[in-house]
Amino acid sequence: MAVTNDISLENVNGGTPYAEGTFVNNGKFILYTVAPGDTLVGIGSRFGVHYMQIAQWNHLADPSMIVVGQQLTIYPNVIQ
């Protein structure tokens, strides 16, 4: 499955694996579980949002400090 910045609800419903990390869509936001090798820039590009938005939503003082297993709240443009 090719990953693009063009997200449709079919791509996000149901916690389908997305790249390495997994996520659950509750209809308003996504809970993304960080996987090995993930970066905020990479996660942001998968969901079409800027990495600094993810850092702000999750109150991350240092956007380069995410850890495997950490859950991040993401508000992709498609479901805002």
Protein backbone atom coordinates (compact mmCIF):
# COMPACT_ATOMS: atom_id res chain seq x y z
CA MET A 1 0.00 0.00 0.00
CA ALA A 2 1.53 3.30 -1.05
CA VAL A 3 1.62 5.97 1.63
CA THR A 4 0.76 9.49 0.54
CA ASN A 5 -0.18 12.76 2.20
CA ASP A 6 -3.64 12.44 0.63
CA ILE A 7 -5.54 10.76 3.45
CA SER A 8 -9.04 9.41 3.10
CA LEU A 9 -11.18 7.98 5.87
CA GLU A 10 -10.77 4.52 4.34
CA ASN A 11 -7.05 4.76 5.17
CA VAL A 12 -7.60 5.75 8.79
CA ASN A 13 -10.63 3.89 10.15
CA GLY A 14 -10.15 1.00 12.52
CA GLY A 15 -6.56 1.28 13.71
CA THR A 16 -5.10 -0.17 10.54
CA PRO A 17 -1.30 -0.44 10.61
CA TYR A 18 0.21 2.62 8.97
CA ALA A 19 3.90 2.34 8.16
CA GLU A 20 5.46 0.96 11.37
CA GLY A 21 3.22 2.57 13.99
CA THR A 22 -0.43 1.82 14.54
CA PHE A 23 -3.30 4.13 15.24
CA VAL A 24 -6.93 4.27 16.25
CA ASN A 25 -9.33 6.82 14.77
CA ASN A 26 -12.12 7.85 17.12
CA GLY A 27 -13.67 10.21 14.56
CA LYS A 28 -12.18 13.43 15.94
CA PHE A 29 -8.53 12.58 16.40
CA ILE A 30 -6.10 9.72 15.98
CA LEU A 31 -4.12 8.07 18.75
CA TYR A 32 -0.85 7.09 17.11
CA THR A 33 1.51 4.64 18.80
CA VAL A 34 5.15 5.45 18.06
CA ALA A 35 7.16 2.61 16.50
CA PRO A 36 10.94 2.10 16.18
CA GLY A 37 12.38 4.55 13.66
CA ASP A 38 9.46 6.98 13.80
CA THR A 39 10.09 10.72 13.87
CA LEU A 40 7.55 13.52 14.26
CA VAL A 41 8.44 14.71 10.75
CA GLY A 42 7.71 11.25 9.32
CA ILE A 43 4.52 10.83 11.32
CA GLY A 44 3.37 14.30 10.31
CA SER A 45 3.98 13.61 6.64
CA ARG A 46 1.92 10.40 6.82
CA PHE A 47 -1.07 12.28 8.21
CA GLY A 48 -0.65 15.56 6.33
CA VAL A 49 0.18 17.75 9.34
CA HIS A 50 3.28 19.69 10.35
CA TYR A 51 5.45 18.02 12.98
CA MET A 52 5.31 21.13 15.18
CA GLN A 53 1.51 20.78 15.31
CA ILE A 54 1.94 17.26 16.68
CA ALA A 55 4.45 18.55 19.24
CA GLN A 56 2.04 21.30 20.30
CA TRP A 57 -1.00 19.00 20.54
CA ASN A 58 1.00 16.62 22.73
CA HIS A 59 2.81 19.25 24.83
CA LEU A 60 6.25 18.04 23.72
CA ALA A 61 8.98 20.44 24.84
CA ASP A 62 11.52 18.74 22.54
CA PRO A 63 9.99 17.40 19.28
CA SER A 64 13.00 15.14 18.76
CA MET A 65 12.28 13.25 21.98
CA ILE A 66 9.59 10.66 21.27
CA VAL A 67 9.83 7.08 22.46
CA VAL A 68 8.63 3.74 21.14
CA GLY A 69 5.20 2.92 22.53
CA GLN A 70 4.35 6.56 23.26
CA GLN A 71 0.84 7.54 22.16
CA LEU A 72 0.45 10.79 20.25
CA THR A 73 -2.79 12.62 19.58
CA ILE A 74 -3.02 13.76 15.94
CA TYR A 75 -5.76 15.80 14.29
CA PRO A 76 -5.42 15.07 10.56
CA ASN A 77 -6.97 17.63 8.26
CA VAL A 78 -9.37 15.06 6.84
CA ILE A 79 -11.26 14.69 10.13
CA GLN A 80 -10.94 18.15 11.66
